[in-house]
Amino acid sequence: MFTEECINTFLENQEQLFPQAVAESYEAAEAFLEDCMAQVVDSIEEVREYLEESGADVEGMSDEELEDASEVFALPDGKYLIVEG
């Protein structure tokens, strides 16, 4: 379900969301993303829609502020990984 690039991005940057690492290996990161039902979306507009639908107050937030949100991980291919802690 998650690409190698997606899993590696989370593994390398997981401390932006959690004070301590939740996954020490590629396999653990993949399992964690599956367990918490992380989502991959194609654009920052879809990030906004997803967060709005999940009840987050994102009204008035700029695209840059959304990209800086701790649960949003920008992927090298231009997509976004959303991980709700």
N, C-alpha and C. Protein backbone atom coordinates (compact mmCIF):
# COMPACT_ATOMS: atom_id res chain seq x y z
N MET A 1 0.82 -1.20 0.00
CA MET A 1 0.00 0.00 0.00
C MET A 1 0.87 1.27 0.00
N PHE A 2 1.89 1.31 0.82
CA PHE A 2 2.77 2.48 0.88
C PHE A 2 4.03 2.21 0.06
N THR A 3 4.48 3.22 -0.66
CA THR A 3 5.69 3.07 -1.46
C THR A 3 6.92 3.06 -0.55
N GLU A 4 8.01 2.56 -1.07
CA GLU A 4 9.27 2.56 -0.33
C GLU A 4 9.67 3.98 0.04
N GLU A 5 9.48 4.91 -0.89
CA GLU A 5 9.80 6.32 -0.67
C GLU A 5 8.96 6.89 0.49
N CYS A 6 7.71 6.52 0.53
CA CYS A 6 6.80 6.97 1.58
C CYS A 6 7.24 6.45 2.95
N ILE A 7 7.53 5.18 3.03
CA ILE A 7 7.93 4.57 4.30
C ILE A 7 9.26 5.15 4.77
N ASN A 8 10.21 5.29 3.86
CA ASN A 8 11.50 5.86 4.24
C ASN A 8 11.38 7.31 4.70
N THR A 9 10.52 8.09 4.05
CA THR A 9 10.31 9.49 4.47
C THR A 9 9.76 9.53 5.89
N PHE A 10 8.78 8.68 6.18
CA PHE A 10 8.25 8.64 7.54
C PHE A 10 9.32 8.20 8.53
N LEU A 11 10.05 7.16 8.20
CA LEU A 11 11.08 6.62 9.08
C LEU A 11 12.13 7.68 9.41
N GLU A 12 12.53 8.44 8.42
CA GLU A 12 13.55 9.47 8.62
C GLU A 12 13.04 10.71 9.35
N ASN A 13 11.73 10.99 9.26
CA ASN A 13 11.18 12.24 9.80
C ASN A 13 10.12 12.04 10.88
N GLN A 14 10.00 10.85 11.42
CA GLN A 14 8.92 10.54 12.35
C GLN A 14 8.94 11.41 13.61
N GLU A 15 10.08 11.95 13.97
CA GLU A 15 10.15 12.75 15.19
C GLU A 15 9.55 14.14 15.02
N GLN A 16 9.10 14.49 13.80
CA GLN A 16 8.34 15.73 13.65
C GLN A 16 6.95 15.57 14.24
N LEU A 17 6.49 14.34 14.38
CA LEU A 17 5.16 14.06 14.92
C LEU A 17 5.21 13.52 16.34
N PHE A 18 6.21 12.72 16.63
CA PHE A 18 6.32 12.08 17.94
C PHE A 18 7.62 12.49 18.62
N PRO A 19 7.59 12.66 19.96
CA PRO A 19 8.82 13.05 20.65
C PRO A 19 9.92 11.99 20.58
N GLN A 20 9.52 10.75 20.41
CA GLN A 20 10.49 9.65 20.30
C GLN A 20 10.11 8.81 19.08
N ALA A 21 11.08 8.13 18.54
CA ALA A 21 10.82 7.27 17.38
C ALA A 21 9.82 6.18 17.73
N VAL A 22 8.88 5.93 16.83
CA VAL A 22 7.90 4.86 17.03
C VAL A 22 8.27 3.64 16.19
N ALA A 23 9.21 3.82 15.28
CA ALA A 23 9.63 2.71 14.43
C ALA A 23 11.15 2.77 14.26
N GLU A 24 11.79 1.64 14.46
CA GLU A 24 13.25 1.57 14.35
C GLU A 24 13.70 0.94 13.04
N SER A 25 12.77 0.35 12.30
CA SER A 25 13.14 -0.33 11.06
C SER A 25 12.10 -0.03 9.99
N TYR A 26 12.46 -0.35 8.77
CA TYR A 26 11.56 -0.17 7.63
C TYR A 26 10.27 -0.94 7.87
N GLU A 27 10.39 -2.19 8.30
CA GLU A 27 9.21 -3.04 8.52
C GLU A 27 8.32 -2.49 9.62
N ALA A 28 8.93 -1.98 10.69
CA ALA A 28 8.16 -1.40 11.79
C ALA A 28 7.45 -0.13 11.34
N ALA A 29 8.11 0.67 10.52
CA ALA A 29 7.49 1.89 10.00
C ALA A 29 6.30 1.55 9.11
N GLU A 30 6.46 0.56 8.27
CA GLU A 30 5.37 0.13 7.39
C GLU A 30 4.18 -0.36 8.21
N ALA A 31 4.45 -1.18 9.21
CA ALA A 31 3.38 -1.69 10.07
C ALA A 31 2.69 -0.56 10.82
N PHE A 32 3.47 0.40 11.32
CA PHE A 32 2.88 1.53 12.04
C PHE A 32 1.96 2.33 11.13
N LEU A 33 2.39 2.63 9.92
CA LEU A 33 1.57 3.40 8.99
C LEU A 33 0.28 2.66 8.66
N GLU A 34 0.37 1.35 8.50
CA GLU A 34 -0.84 0.56 8.24
C GLU A 34 -1.76 0.57 9.45
N ASP A 35 -1.20 0.41 10.65
CA ASP A 35 -2.00 0.36 11.88
C ASP A 35 -2.74 1.66 12.14
N CYS A 36 -2.10 2.78 11.87
CA CYS A 36 -2.75 4.07 12.16
C CYS A 36 -3.52 4.59 10.96
N MET A 37 -3.62 3.77 9.92
CA MET A 37 -4.38 4.10 8.73
C MET A 37 -3.94 5.44 8.12
N ALA A 38 -2.64 5.61 7.99
CA ALA A 38 -2.09 6.80 7.35
C ALA A 38 -2.60 6.88 5.92
N GLN A 39 -2.65 8.08 5.39
CA GLN A 39 -3.16 8.31 4.05
C GLN A 39 -2.13 9.02 3.19
N VAL A 40 -2.10 8.69 1.92
CA VAL A 40 -1.27 9.40 0.95
C VAL A 40 -2.22 10.13 0.02
N VAL A 41 -1.99 11.43 -0.14
CA VAL A 41 -2.82 12.24 -1.04
C VAL A 41 -1.93 12.93 -2.06
N ASP A 42 -2.55 13.37 -3.14
CA ASP A 42 -1.80 13.90 -4.28
C ASP A 42 -1.44 15.37 -4.21
N SER A 43 -2.14 16.15 -3.38
CA SER A 43 -1.90 17.60 -3.40
C SER A 43 -2.17 18.20 -2.03
N ILE A 44 -1.71 19.43 -1.85
CA ILE A 44 -1.96 20.13 -0.59
C ILE A 44 -3.45 20.42 -0.43
N GLU A 45 -4.17 20.58 -1.55
CA GLU A 45 -5.62 20.76 -1.48
C GLU A 45 -6.29 19.52 -0.89
N GLU A 46 -5.78 18.34 -1.26
CA GLU A 46 -6.33 17.11 -0.71
C GLU A 46 -5.96 16.95 0.77
N VAL A 47 -4.80 17.47 1.16
CA VAL A 47 -4.44 17.48 2.59
C VAL A 47 -5.47 18.29 3.34
N ARG A 48 -5.78 19.49 2.82
CA ARG A 48 -6.77 20.37 3.45
C ARG A 48 -8.12 19.67 3.58
N GLU A 49 -8.58 19.06 2.49
CA GLU A 49 -9.86 18.35 2.49
C GLU A 49 -9.87 17.22 3.52
N TYR A 50 -8.80 16.44 3.55
CA TYR A 50 -8.72 15.31 4.48
C TYR A 50 -8.78 15.80 5.93
N LEU A 51 -8.00 16.83 6.24
CA LEU A 51 -7.98 17.34 7.61
C LEU A 51 -9.32 17.95 7.99
N GLU A 52 -9.96 18.66 7.06
CA GLU A 52 -11.29 19.21 7.34
C GLU A 52 -12.29 18.10 7.63
N GLU A 53 -12.27 17.05 6.81
CA GLU A 53 -13.19 15.93 6.99
C GLU A 53 -12.95 15.19 8.31
N SER A 54 -11.71 15.22 8.78
CA SER A 54 -11.41 14.52 10.05
C SER A 54 -11.63 15.43 11.25
N GLY A 55 -12.12 16.64 11.02
CA GLY A 55 -12.49 17.51 12.13
C GLY A 55 -11.45 18.53 12.55
N ALA A 56 -10.35 18.61 11.84
CA ALA A 56 -9.31 19.58 12.18
C ALA A 56 -9.74 20.98 11.73
N ASP A 57 -9.39 21.97 12.51
CA ASP A 57 -9.70 23.36 12.17
C ASP A 57 -8.57 23.92 11.32
N VAL A 58 -8.73 23.85 10.02
CA VAL A 58 -7.70 24.32 9.11
C VAL A 58 -8.12 25.59 8.37
N GLU A 59 -9.28 26.10 8.71
CA GLU A 59 -9.76 27.32 8.07
C GLU A 59 -8.79 28.46 8.37
N GLY A 60 -8.42 29.17 7.34
CA GLY A 60 -7.50 30.28 7.51
C GLY A 60 -6.03 29.89 7.47
N MET A 61 -5.74 28.60 7.43
CA MET A 61 -4.35 28.16 7.34
C MET A 61 -3.88 28.25 5.90
N SER A 62 -2.67 28.75 5.70
CA SER A 62 -2.10 28.80 4.36
C SER A 62 -1.60 27.40 3.98
N ASP A 63 -1.32 27.23 2.69
CA ASP A 63 -0.77 25.96 2.23
C ASP A 63 0.55 25.66 2.93
N GLU A 64 1.36 26.69 3.15
CA GLU A 64 2.65 26.51 3.82
C GLU A 64 2.45 26.05 5.26
N GLU A 65 1.45 26.61 5.93
CA GLU A 65 1.17 26.18 7.30
C GLU A 65 0.71 24.73 7.34
N LEU A 66 -0.09 24.33 6.36
CA LEU A 66 -0.52 22.93 6.28
C LEU A 66 0.68 22.02 6.06
N GLU A 67 1.59 22.43 5.17
CA GLU A 67 2.78 21.61 4.91
C GLU A 67 3.66 21.48 6.15
N ASP A 68 3.61 22.48 7.03
CA ASP A 68 4.41 22.47 8.25
C ASP A 68 3.73 21.73 9.41
N ALA A 69 2.48 21.31 9.23
CA ALA A 69 1.77 20.60 10.29
C ALA A 69 2.51 19.31 10.63
N SER A 70 2.56 18.99 11.90
CA SER A 70 3.36 17.83 12.33
C SER A 70 2.89 16.52 11.73
N GLU A 71 1.61 16.41 11.39
CA GLU A 71 1.10 15.15 10.86
C GLU A 71 1.20 15.04 9.34
N VAL A 72 1.74 16.07 8.69
CA VAL A 72 1.86 16.09 7.24
C VAL A 72 3.32 15.94 6.84
N PHE A 73 3.59 14.94 6.03
CA PHE A 73 4.94 14.65 5.55
C PHE A 73 4.96 14.84 4.04
N ALA A 74 5.73 15.80 3.56
CA ALA A 74 5.87 16.01 2.12
C ALA A 74 6.76 14.91 1.56
N LEU A 75 6.31 14.28 0.51
CA LEU A 75 7.06 13.19 -0.11
C LEU A 75 7.84 13.72 -1.31
N PRO A 76 8.96 13.09 -1.61
CA PRO A 76 9.80 13.57 -2.72
C PRO A 76 9.08 13.62 -4.07
N ASP A 77 8.06 12.80 -4.26
CA ASP A 77 7.34 12.78 -5.54
C ASP A 77 6.25 13.85 -5.64
N GLY A 78 6.15 14.71 -4.62
CA GLY A 78 5.15 15.79 -4.64
C GLY A 78 3.86 15.44 -3.95
N LYS A 79 3.69 14.20 -3.51
CA LYS A 79 2.50 13.80 -2.77
C LYS A 79 2.72 14.08 -1.29
N TYR A 80 1.71 13.79 -0.48
CA TYR A 80 1.78 14.03 0.96
C TYR A 80 1.29 12.80 1.72
N LEU A 81 2.01 12.49 2.78
CA LEU A 81 1.63 11.43 3.71
C LEU A 81 1.02 12.10 4.93
N ILE A 82 -0.16 11.66 5.33
CA ILE A 82 -0.82 12.21 6.52
C ILE A 82 -0.87 11.10 7.56
N VAL A 83 -0.27 11.37 8.72
CA VAL A 83 -0.21 10.39 9.81
C VAL A 83 -0.84 11.02 11.03
N GLU A 84 -1.96 10.47 11.46
CA GLU A 84 -2.60 10.99 12.67
C GLU A 84 -2.08 10.20 13.87
N GLY A 85 -1.45 10.91 14.79
CA GLY A 85 -0.85 10.29 15.96
C GLY A 85 -1.82 10.03 16.97
